[in-house]
Amino acid sequence: MLIGYARVSSTGQNLDSQIDALKKAGCDKIFMEKRSGTSTKDRLELQNALDFVRDGDTFVVTRLDRCSRSVSDLYKILEKLKDKNVEFKATNQNIDTSTSTGKLMIGMLSIIAEFENDLRRERQSEGIKKAKELGKFKKQKSLNDNQVVEIIELQKTDMTNSDIAKEYNIARSTLLKYVSEYKNNLK
């Protein structure tokens, strides 16, 4: 049986393309979640998928970084799959642990993914440090539930999200994040 796992980092992102690719790959069941891939902590659907797979199954993701951005976490996942006699495939990267080449590629790509993650963190840290030096760093403003409800009502008018964000003195991305999280919490 092919078991799919789809993940995006935030609630504002969309899983549709991954789900379509996993269905096209023949996955019989797909687990999906919106959580960061930097750690396996609090990734309930990943744990559910790993618990669900059985001897002879194949665990399928579209890309390696959908499973994990940490080399140590990835190897723990792969070890758990190996212990259960389950293969691993990443469809977009043509990785298949049932082959020697696939095992080699997964090791190399996971190291590269972690390296890219480290570089991103370093760049972000350098940018924040520079902004602080220039007096331009602003901590992200937080919104309470009442403000988010007001924003949702304003979205029903002819105001754009950019205009609403300016009214609340926040970034448009921050506005969208709060609205998305608020709506998801209502479900």
Protein backbone atom coordinates (compact mmCIF):
# COMPACT_ATOMS: atom_id res chain seq x y z
CA MET A 1 0.00 0.00 0.00
CA LEU A 2 1.25 3.52 -0.80
CA ILE A 3 0.82 5.94 2.12
CA GLY A 4 1.21 9.63 1.32
CA TYR A 5 2.25 12.48 3.57
CA ALA A 6 1.78 16.14 2.59
CA ARG A 7 3.01 19.10 4.66
CA VAL A 8 3.24 22.86 4.37
CA SER A 9 4.77 25.15 6.96
CA SER A 10 1.92 27.52 7.68
CA THR A 11 -1.85 27.71 7.72
CA GLY A 12 -1.86 30.23 4.86
CA GLN A 13 -0.22 27.75 2.48
CA ASN A 14 -2.02 25.25 0.28
CA LEU A 15 -1.62 21.44 0.21
CA ASP A 16 -3.50 20.88 -3.07
CA SER A 17 -0.52 20.38 -5.40
CA GLN A 18 1.08 17.86 -3.04
CA ILE A 19 -2.19 15.98 -2.60
CA ASP A 20 -2.69 15.86 -6.38
CA ALA A 21 0.86 14.54 -6.88
CA LEU A 22 0.43 11.89 -4.17
CA LYS A 23 -2.86 10.74 -5.69
CA LYS A 24 -1.20 10.60 -9.11
CA ALA A 25 1.59 8.48 -7.57
CA GLY A 26 -1.09 6.01 -6.47
CA CYS A 27 -1.31 6.70 -2.75
CA ASP A 28 -4.19 4.86 -1.12
CA LYS A 29 -4.23 7.04 2.00
CA ILE A 30 -2.83 10.54 2.52
CA PHE A 31 -1.97 12.21 5.81
CA MET A 32 -1.65 16.01 5.70
CA GLU A 33 -0.78 18.84 8.04
CA LYS A 34 0.28 22.46 8.26
CA ARG A 35 3.32 22.54 10.52
CA SER A 36 6.97 23.50 10.30
CA GLY A 37 9.31 20.77 9.06
CA THR A 38 12.27 21.85 11.16
CA SER A 39 11.32 19.34 13.85
CA THR A 40 9.09 16.29 14.20
CA LYS A 41 7.78 17.69 17.50
CA ASP A 42 4.02 18.38 17.46
CA ARG A 43 3.58 16.88 13.98
CA LEU A 44 0.62 14.68 14.85
CA GLU A 45 -0.23 13.65 11.27
CA LEU A 46 3.37 12.60 10.57
CA GLN A 47 3.25 10.42 13.68
CA ASN A 48 -0.14 9.04 12.62
CA ALA A 49 1.25 8.19 9.18
CA LEU A 50 4.32 6.49 10.66
CA ASP A 51 2.10 4.50 13.03
CA PHE A 52 -0.26 3.58 10.19
CA VAL A 53 2.28 2.12 7.73
CA ARG A 54 2.73 -1.65 7.74
CA ASP A 55 5.24 -4.21 6.49
CA GLY A 56 5.55 -3.94 2.72
CA ASP A 57 4.03 -0.44 2.48
CA THR A 58 5.75 2.55 0.90
CA PHE A 59 5.75 5.96 2.61
CA VAL A 60 5.50 8.64 -0.11
CA VAL A 61 6.19 12.39 -0.07
CA THR A 62 6.55 14.78 -2.99
CA ARG A 63 9.88 16.19 -1.81
CA LEU A 64 12.29 15.27 0.94
CA ASP A 65 11.81 18.57 2.78
CA ARG A 66 8.08 17.82 3.12
CA CYS A 67 9.08 15.00 5.46
CA SER A 68 11.84 16.77 7.39
CA ARG A 69 14.29 19.65 7.18
CA SER A 70 16.51 18.10 9.84
CA VAL A 71 19.00 15.39 8.92
CA SER A 72 18.78 13.75 12.33
CA ASP A 73 14.94 13.76 12.24
CA LEU A 74 14.95 12.40 8.69
CA TYR A 75 17.22 9.54 9.68
CA LYS A 76 15.00 8.76 12.67
CA ILE A 77 11.98 8.64 10.35
CA LEU A 78 13.84 6.45 7.85
CA GLU A 79 15.00 4.14 10.65
CA LYS A 80 11.44 3.77 11.94
CA LEU A 81 10.26 2.96 8.40
CA LYS A 82 13.10 0.46 7.93
CA ASP A 83 12.24 -1.24 11.24
CA LYS A 84 8.68 -1.67 9.96
CA ASN A 85 9.96 -2.93 6.56
CA VAL A 86 8.49 0.13 4.83
CA GLU A 87 10.16 1.81 1.83
CA PHE A 88 10.41 5.58 1.34
CA LYS A 89 9.84 7.53 -1.88
CA ALA A 90 10.04 11.22 -2.78
CA THR A 91 8.25 11.57 -6.11
CA ASN A 92 9.65 14.92 -7.33
CA GLN A 93 13.23 13.94 -6.54
CA ASN A 94 13.02 10.37 -7.80
CA ILE A 95 14.22 8.97 -4.48
CA ASP A 96 13.41 5.39 -3.62
CA THR A 97 15.05 3.66 -0.64
CA SER A 98 14.49 0.27 -2.22
CA THR A 99 17.57 1.05 -4.38
CA SER A 100 21.20 1.73 -3.39
CA THR A 101 21.22 4.93 -5.43
CA GLY A 102 18.06 6.10 -3.68
CA LYS A 103 19.66 5.54 -0.28
CA LEU A 104 22.72 7.55 -1.32
CA MET A 105 20.63 10.39 -2.76
CA ILE A 106 18.47 10.69 0.33
CA GLY A 107 21.54 11.12 2.49
CA MET A 108 23.02 13.80 0.25
CA LEU A 109 19.76 15.71 -0.21
CA SER A 110 18.92 15.70 3.49
CA ILE A 111 22.31 17.25 4.29
CA ILE A 112 21.74 19.91 1.62
CA ALA A 113 18.23 20.65 2.97
CA GLU A 114 19.61 21.15 6.49
CA PHE A 115 22.40 23.36 5.14
CA GLU A 116 19.86 25.55 3.31
CA ASN A 117 17.79 25.81 6.49
CA ASP A 118 20.87 26.91 8.47
CA LEU A 119 21.74 29.52 5.81
CA ARG A 120 18.20 30.90 5.90
CA ARG A 121 18.36 31.24 9.69
CA GLU A 122 21.75 32.96 9.48
CA ARG A 123 20.50 35.43 6.85
CA GLN A 124 17.41 36.17 8.91
CA SER A 125 19.49 36.72 12.04
CA GLU A 126 21.91 39.00 10.17
CA GLY A 127 18.99 40.98 8.74
CA ILE A 128 17.41 41.45 12.15
CA LYS A 129 20.76 42.51 13.65
CA LYS A 130 21.30 45.07 10.87
CA ALA A 131 17.73 46.39 11.20
CA LYS A 132 18.23 46.80 14.96
CA GLU A 133 21.48 48.71 14.36
CA LEU A 134 19.62 51.04 12.00
CA GLY A 135 16.70 51.38 14.43
CA LYS A 136 14.32 49.84 11.91
CA PHE A 137 13.57 46.54 13.61
CA LYS A 138 10.02 46.25 14.83
CA LYS A 139 8.73 43.28 16.71
CA GLN A 140 5.70 41.78 14.99
CA LYS A 141 2.57 43.39 16.38
CA SER A 142 0.10 40.98 17.88
CA LEU A 143 -3.64 41.17 17.38
CA ASN A 144 -6.35 40.11 19.79
CA ASP A 145 -9.43 38.15 18.73
CA ASN A 146 -11.63 41.27 18.65
CA GLN A 147 -9.26 42.96 16.22
CA VAL A 148 -9.17 39.86 14.01
CA VAL A 149 -12.99 39.78 13.93
CA GLU A 150 -12.97 43.47 12.93
CA ILE A 151 -10.49 42.67 10.15
CA ILE A 152 -12.65 39.81 8.87
CA GLU A 153 -15.61 42.20 8.72
CA LEU A 154 -13.50 44.77 6.85
CA GLN A 155 -12.49 42.08 4.34
CA LYS A 156 -16.17 41.83 3.41
CA THR A 157 -16.10 45.47 2.28
CA ASP A 158 -14.29 46.91 -0.72
CA MET A 159 -11.10 47.44 1.32
CA THR A 160 -8.08 45.43 0.21
CA ASN A 161 -6.01 43.40 2.64
CA SER A 162 -3.17 45.87 2.10
CA ASP A 163 -5.42 48.79 3.05
CA ILE A 164 -6.67 46.97 6.15
CA ALA A 165 -3.10 46.11 7.16
CA LYS A 166 -2.13 49.80 6.89
CA GLU A 167 -5.08 50.73 9.15
CA TYR A 168 -3.82 48.31 11.82
CA ASN A 169 -0.16 49.23 11.24
CA ILE A 170 0.84 45.63 10.45
CA ALA A 171 2.23 43.79 7.46
CA ARG A 172 -0.27 42.29 5.02
CA SER A 173 1.29 38.85 5.66
CA THR A 174 0.73 39.29 9.41
CA LEU A 175 -2.90 40.18 8.79
CA LEU A 176 -3.43 37.09 6.64
CA LYS A 177 -1.69 34.87 9.19
CA TYR A 178 -3.92 36.05 12.04
CA VAL A 179 -7.11 35.71 9.99
CA SER A 180 -6.15 32.21 8.83
CA GLU A 181 -5.24 31.06 12.36
CA TYR A 182 -8.46 32.54 13.76
CA LYS A 183 -10.61 30.77 11.15
CA ASN A 184 -8.75 27.46 11.66
CA ASN A 185 -9.32 27.69 15.41
CA LEU A 186 -13.06 27.99 14.77
CA LYS A 187 -13.14 24.63 12.99
